[in-house]
Amino acid sequence: MTDVTLRAVAADDLPALAGTDAAWGEQFEFFGFPASNGYQRWYAESGCLSEKSGLLVVEVDGSLVGRVTWHVVEYGPGSNSNALRVGIALLPDARGRGIGAEAQRTLSEYLFSTTTAHRIEAGADIENLAEQRSLEKAGFTRDGLMREAQFRDGKRHDIVVFSRLRTDP
């Protein structure tokens, strides 16, 4: 396996991060056209890291191949009911090589070591079997189905939800 690492975003990464955004018609990924300066704004505001959300660069052997993100999801009053929802986007050449599973496992370990979150969760389109396998390899457990939870590419899609708990082995 190649050396997969996560690191904080640097200003020089911003153009390459734009390449991780899905293109029109790309299966499972296109949610509309992003702002052309979205990463620059986020980086200028917070370095892409805050208490409620974050973005880290995924590198393989020192080269940027994608990004991982997270944000808080509230399931009740008080922060003890919060979970962290994670996501990943890899450049096309980095897909299908196990990089996603390793990056998501590393991200969940990082979040457990730097936050008080008890639950980390992720979702995958019901037809995205590769991402579902990746999440399972990363130590996530399939929780169930959220019917028509996602609006993408002009229609509703079912999402399979996965989680990893702080108490999981």
C-alpha atoms as a PDB file:
ATOM      1  CA  MET A   1       0.000   0.000   0.000  1.00  0.00           C
ATOM      2  CA  THR A   2       1.154   3.499  -0.736  1.00  0.00           C
ATOM      3  CA  ASP A   3       1.778   5.998   2.038  1.00  0.00           C
ATOM      4  CA  VAL A   4      -1.562   7.815   2.611  1.00  0.00           C
ATOM      5  CA  THR A   5      -1.383  10.845   4.909  1.00  0.00           C
ATOM      6  CA  LEU A   6      -3.653  13.709   5.900  1.00  0.00           C
ATOM      7  CA  ARG A   7      -2.447  17.245   6.498  1.00  0.00           C
ATOM      8  CA  ALA A   8      -3.724  20.778   6.894  1.00  0.00           C
ATOM      9  CA  VAL A   9      -4.462  22.820   3.801  1.00  0.00           C
ATOM     10  CA  ALA A  10      -1.774  25.226   2.582  1.00  0.00           C
ATOM     11  CA  ALA A  11      -2.397  28.214   0.319  1.00  0.00           C
ATOM     12  CA  ASP A  12      -0.547  26.449  -2.511  1.00  0.00           C
ATOM     13  CA  ASP A  13      -3.113  23.594  -2.367  1.00  0.00           C
ATOM     14  CA  LEU A  14      -6.115  25.745  -3.258  1.00  0.00           C
ATOM     15  CA  PRO A  15      -5.931  25.392  -7.070  1.00  0.00           C
ATOM     16  CA  ALA A  16      -5.500  21.606  -6.835  1.00  0.00           C
ATOM     17  CA  LEU A  17      -8.412  21.301  -4.389  1.00  0.00           C
ATOM     18  CA  ALA A  18     -10.696  22.796  -7.010  1.00  0.00           C
ATOM     19  CA  GLY A  19      -9.861  19.731  -9.121  1.00  0.00           C
ATOM     20  CA  THR A  20     -11.479  17.493  -6.490  1.00  0.00           C
ATOM     21  CA  ASP A  21     -14.897  19.044  -7.150  1.00  0.00           C
ATOM     22  CA  ALA A  22     -17.089  16.799  -9.256  1.00  0.00           C
ATOM     23  CA  ALA A  23     -17.755  17.729 -12.843  1.00  0.00           C
ATOM     24  CA  TRP A  24     -21.138  17.948 -14.525  1.00  0.00           C
ATOM     25  CA  GLY A  25     -22.474  14.436 -15.072  1.00  0.00           C
ATOM     26  CA  GLU A  26     -19.985  12.693 -12.794  1.00  0.00           C
ATOM     27  CA  GLN A  27     -21.809   9.814 -11.117  1.00  0.00           C
ATOM     28  CA  PHE A  28     -22.617  10.174  -7.382  1.00  0.00           C
ATOM     29  CA  GLU A  29     -20.953  13.544  -7.027  1.00  0.00           C
ATOM     30  CA  PHE A  30     -22.494  16.471  -8.871  1.00  0.00           C
ATOM     31  CA  PHE A  31     -24.471  18.750  -6.512  1.00  0.00           C
ATOM     32  CA  GLY A  32     -24.342  21.869  -8.651  1.00  0.00           C
ATOM     33  CA  PHE A  33     -21.709  24.336  -9.655  1.00  0.00           C
ATOM     34  CA  PRO A  34     -19.574  25.451  -6.677  1.00  0.00           C
ATOM     35  CA  ALA A  35     -18.416  29.025  -6.180  1.00  0.00           C
ATOM     36  CA  SER A  36     -15.186  29.545  -8.071  1.00  0.00           C
ATOM     37  CA  ASN A  37     -13.493  30.919  -4.955  1.00  0.00           C
ATOM     38  CA  GLY A  38     -15.048  28.686  -2.292  1.00  0.00           C
ATOM     39  CA  TYR A  39     -11.808  27.117  -1.103  1.00  0.00           C
ATOM     40  CA  GLN A  40     -10.025  30.473  -1.094  1.00  0.00           C
ATOM     41  CA  ARG A  41     -12.774  32.021   1.066  1.00  0.00           C
ATOM     42  CA  TRP A  42     -12.836  29.082   3.489  1.00  0.00           C
ATOM     43  CA  TYR A  43      -9.046  29.097   3.751  1.00  0.00           C
ATOM     44  CA  ALA A  44      -8.947  32.880   4.324  1.00  0.00           C
ATOM     45  CA  GLU A  45     -11.643  32.665   7.027  1.00  0.00           C
ATOM     46  CA  SER A  46     -10.361  29.694   9.032  1.00  0.00           C
ATOM     47  CA  GLY A  47      -7.598  27.779   7.289  1.00  0.00           C
ATOM     48  CA  CYS A  48     -10.350  25.233   6.515  1.00  0.00           C
ATOM     49  CA  LEU A  49     -10.464  24.150  10.180  1.00  0.00           C
ATOM     50  CA  SER A  50     -13.000  25.185  12.822  1.00  0.00           C
ATOM     51  CA  GLU A  51     -14.881  23.725  15.781  1.00  0.00           C
ATOM     52  CA  LYS A  52     -17.800  22.711  13.574  1.00  0.00           C
ATOM     53  CA  SER A  53     -16.171  21.689  10.291  1.00  0.00           C
ATOM     54  CA  GLY A  54     -12.901  21.023   8.560  1.00  0.00           C
ATOM     55  CA  LEU A  55     -11.015  19.951   5.487  1.00  0.00           C
ATOM     56  CA  LEU A  56      -7.709  18.131   5.269  1.00  0.00           C
ATOM     57  CA  VAL A  57      -5.622  17.287   2.223  1.00  0.00           C
ATOM     58  CA  VAL A  58      -5.151  13.613   1.319  1.00  0.00           C
ATOM     59  CA  GLU A  59      -1.636  12.902   0.116  1.00  0.00           C
ATOM     60  CA  VAL A  60      -0.047   9.793  -1.332  1.00  0.00           C
ATOM     61  CA  ASP A  61       3.729   9.710  -1.316  1.00  0.00           C
ATOM     62  CA  GLY A  62       3.773  13.499  -0.882  1.00  0.00           C
ATOM     63  CA  SER A  63       1.342  14.353  -3.711  1.00  0.00           C
ATOM     64  CA  LEU A  64      -2.142  15.804  -3.237  1.00  0.00           C
ATOM     65  CA  VAL A  65      -4.744  13.265  -4.403  1.00  0.00           C
ATOM     66  CA  GLY A  66      -7.902  14.535  -2.688  1.00  0.00           C
ATOM     67  CA  ARG A  67      -9.578  15.901   0.393  1.00  0.00           C
ATOM     68  CA  VAL A  68     -11.513  14.729   3.427  1.00  0.00           C
ATOM     69  CA  THR A  69     -14.084  16.879   5.192  1.00  0.00           C
ATOM     70  CA  TRP A  70     -16.293  16.822   8.260  1.00  0.00           C
ATOM     71  CA  HIS A  71     -19.047  18.826   9.869  1.00  0.00           C
ATOM     72  CA  VAL A  72     -21.158  18.620  13.012  1.00  0.00           C
ATOM     73  CA  VAL A  73     -24.562  16.919  12.880  1.00  0.00           C
ATOM     74  CA  GLU A  74     -26.869  17.535  15.842  1.00  0.00           C
ATOM     75  CA  TYR A  75     -29.096  14.719  17.113  1.00  0.00           C
ATOM     76  CA  GLY A  76     -30.351  16.430  20.236  1.00  0.00           C
ATOM     77  CA  PRO A  77     -29.686  19.293  22.609  1.00  0.00           C
ATOM     78  CA  GLY A  78     -26.178  19.673  23.954  1.00  0.00           C
ATOM     79  CA  SER A  79     -22.913  18.716  22.351  1.00  0.00           C
ATOM     80  CA  ASN A  80     -23.063  15.166  23.746  1.00  0.00           C
ATOM     81  CA  SER A  81     -25.673  14.403  21.073  1.00  0.00           C
ATOM     82  CA  ASN A  82     -23.519  15.708  18.226  1.00  0.00           C
ATOM     83  CA  ALA A  83     -21.900  13.461  15.648  1.00  0.00           C
ATOM     84  CA  LEU A  84     -19.363  14.289  12.965  1.00  0.00           C
ATOM     85  CA  ARG A  85     -20.321  13.597   9.350  1.00  0.00           C
ATOM     86  CA  VAL A  86     -17.325  12.884   7.117  1.00  0.00           C
ATOM     87  CA  GLY A  87     -16.834  12.881   3.375  1.00  0.00           C
ATOM     88  CA  ILE A  88     -14.110  12.325   0.839  1.00  0.00           C
ATOM     89  CA  ALA A  89     -13.318  13.401  -2.704  1.00  0.00           C
ATOM     90  CA  LEU A  90     -10.387  11.925  -4.614  1.00  0.00           C
ATOM     91  CA  LEU A  91      -8.939  12.913  -7.943  1.00  0.00           C
ATOM     92  CA  PRO A  92      -9.970  10.369 -10.613  1.00  0.00           C
ATOM     93  CA  ASP A  93      -6.486   8.801 -10.869  1.00  0.00           C
ATOM     94  CA  ALA A  94      -6.489   8.055  -7.118  1.00  0.00           C
ATOM     95  CA  ARG A  95      -9.737   6.073  -7.091  1.00  0.00           C
ATOM     96  CA  GLY A  96      -9.979   2.298  -6.869  1.00  0.00           C
ATOM     97  CA  ARG A  97      -6.615   1.850  -5.128  1.00  0.00           C
ATOM     98  CA  GLY A  98      -7.648   1.654  -1.449  1.00  0.00           C
ATOM     99  CA  ILE A  99      -6.634   5.257  -0.795  1.00  0.00           C
ATOM    100  CA  GLY A 100     -10.175   6.271   0.197  1.00  0.00           C
ATOM    101  CA  ALA A 101     -10.513   3.563   2.832  1.00  0.00           C
ATOM    102  CA  GLU A 102      -7.145   4.438   4.355  1.00  0.00           C
ATOM    103  CA  ALA A 103      -7.883   8.175   4.318  1.00  0.00           C
ATOM    104  CA  GLN A 104     -11.306   7.718   5.956  1.00  0.00           C
ATOM    105  CA  ARG A 105      -9.874   5.383   8.623  1.00  0.00           C
ATOM    106  CA  THR A 106      -7.110   7.892   9.344  1.00  0.00           C
ATOM    107  CA  LEU A 107      -9.601  10.766   9.461  1.00  0.00           C
ATOM    108  CA  SER A 108     -11.854   8.987  11.948  1.00  0.00           C
ATOM    109  CA  GLU A 109      -8.850   8.200  14.175  1.00  0.00           C
ATOM    110  CA  TYR A 110      -7.756  11.840  13.966  1.00  0.00           C
ATOM    111  CA  LEU A 111     -11.241  13.080  14.895  1.00  0.00           C
ATOM    112  CA  PHE A 112     -11.530  10.669  17.829  1.00  0.00           C
ATOM    113  CA  SER A 113      -8.152  11.868  19.125  1.00  0.00           C
ATOM    114  CA  THR A 114      -8.844  15.615  18.715  1.00  0.00           C
ATOM    115  CA  THR A 115     -12.571  15.960  19.504  1.00  0.00           C
ATOM    116  CA  THR A 116     -15.067  14.636  22.026  1.00  0.00           C
ATOM    117  CA  ALA A 117     -17.238  13.071  19.300  1.00  0.00           C
ATOM    118  CA  HIS A 118     -18.555   9.624  20.121  1.00  0.00           C
ATOM    119  CA  ARG A 119     -20.013   8.977  16.652  1.00  0.00           C
ATOM    120  CA  ILE A 120     -18.501   9.581  13.239  1.00  0.00           C
ATOM    121  CA  GLU A 121     -20.760   8.905  10.306  1.00  0.00           C
ATOM    122  CA  ALA A 122     -20.691   8.868   6.535  1.00  0.00           C
ATOM    123  CA  GLY A 123     -23.149   8.311   3.762  1.00  0.00           C
ATOM    124  CA  ALA A 124     -22.975   6.741   0.331  1.00  0.00           C
ATOM    125  CA  ASP A 125     -25.440   6.663  -2.524  1.00  0.00           C
ATOM    126  CA  ILE A 126     -27.232   3.317  -2.500  1.00  0.00           C
ATOM    127  CA  GLU A 127     -25.752   2.562  -5.927  1.00  0.00           C
ATOM    128  CA  ASN A 128     -22.190   3.546  -4.952  1.00  0.00           C
ATOM    129  CA  LEU A 129     -20.990   0.094  -3.961  1.00  0.00           C
ATOM    130  CA  ALA A 130     -17.311   1.085  -4.169  1.00  0.00           C
ATOM    131  CA  GLU A 131     -17.761   3.779  -1.488  1.00  0.00           C
ATOM    132  CA  GLN A 132     -19.771   1.409   0.694  1.00  0.00           C
ATOM    133  CA  ARG A 133     -16.948  -1.161   0.531  1.00  0.00           C
ATOM    134  CA  SER A 134     -14.424   1.599   1.243  1.00  0.00           C
ATOM    135  CA  LEU A 135     -16.280   2.686   4.374  1.00  0.00           C
ATOM    136  CA  GLU A 136     -16.490  -0.899   5.640  1.00  0.00           C
ATOM    137  CA  LYS A 137     -12.728  -1.349   5.051  1.00  0.00           C
ATOM    138  CA  ALA A 138     -12.183   1.882   7.003  1.00  0.00           C
ATOM    139  CA  GLY A 139     -13.941   0.367  10.043  1.00  0.00           C
ATOM    140  CA  PHE A 140     -17.413   1.826   9.578  1.00  0.00           C
ATOM    141  CA  THR A 141     -20.579  -0.218  10.167  1.00  0.00           C
ATOM    142  CA  ARG A 142     -23.660   0.024   7.983  1.00  0.00           C
ATOM    143  CA  ASP A 143     -26.489   1.568  10.034  1.00  0.00           C
ATOM    144  CA  GLY A 144     -29.296   1.706   7.513  1.00  0.00           C
ATOM    145  CA  LEU A 145     -30.970   3.597   4.725  1.00  0.00           C
ATOM    146  CA  MET A 146     -32.163   7.194   4.532  1.00  0.00           C
ATOM    147  CA  ARG A 147     -34.820   7.233   1.824  1.00  0.00           C
ATOM    148  CA  GLU A 148     -34.550  10.031  -0.733  1.00  0.00           C
ATOM    149  CA  ALA A 149     -32.329  12.021   1.647  1.00  0.00           C
ATOM    150  CA  GLN A 150     -30.106  13.540  -1.000  1.00  0.00           C
ATOM    151  CA  PHE A 151     -31.007  15.813  -3.905  1.00  0.00           C
ATOM    152  CA  ARG A 152     -28.343  15.465  -6.557  1.00  0.00           C
ATOM    153  CA  ASP A 153     -28.255  15.914 -10.293  1.00  0.00           C
ATOM    154  CA  GLY A 154     -31.930  16.888 -10.459  1.00  0.00           C
ATOM    155  CA  LYS A 155     -33.487  14.019  -8.499  1.00  0.00           C
ATOM    156  CA  ARG A 156     -33.752  12.377  -5.071  1.00  0.00           C
ATOM    157  CA  HIS A 157     -31.406   9.546  -4.048  1.00  0.00           C
ATOM    158  CA  ASP A 158     -31.392   7.033  -1.201  1.00  0.00           C
ATOM    159  CA  ILE A 159     -28.327   7.164   1.048  1.00  0.00           C
ATOM    160  CA  VAL A 160     -26.791   4.285   3.006  1.00  0.00           C
ATOM    161  CA  VAL A 161     -25.548   5.544   6.387  1.00  0.00           C
ATOM    162  CA  PHE A 162     -22.441   4.163   8.066  1.00  0.00           C
ATOM    163  CA  SER A 163     -20.948   4.938  11.466  1.00  0.00           C
ATOM    164  CA  ARG A 164     -17.881   4.371  13.544  1.00  0.00           C
ATOM    165  CA  LEU A 165     -18.174   4.755  17.324  1.00  0.00           C
ATOM    166  CA  ARG A 166     -15.456   5.701  19.753  1.00  0.00           C
ATOM    167  CA  THR A 167     -16.134   2.368  21.512  1.00  0.00           C
ATOM    168  CA  ASP A 168     -15.781   0.258  18.354  1.00  0.00           C
ATOM    169  CA  PRO A 169     -12.729  -1.996  18.231  1.00  0.00           C
END
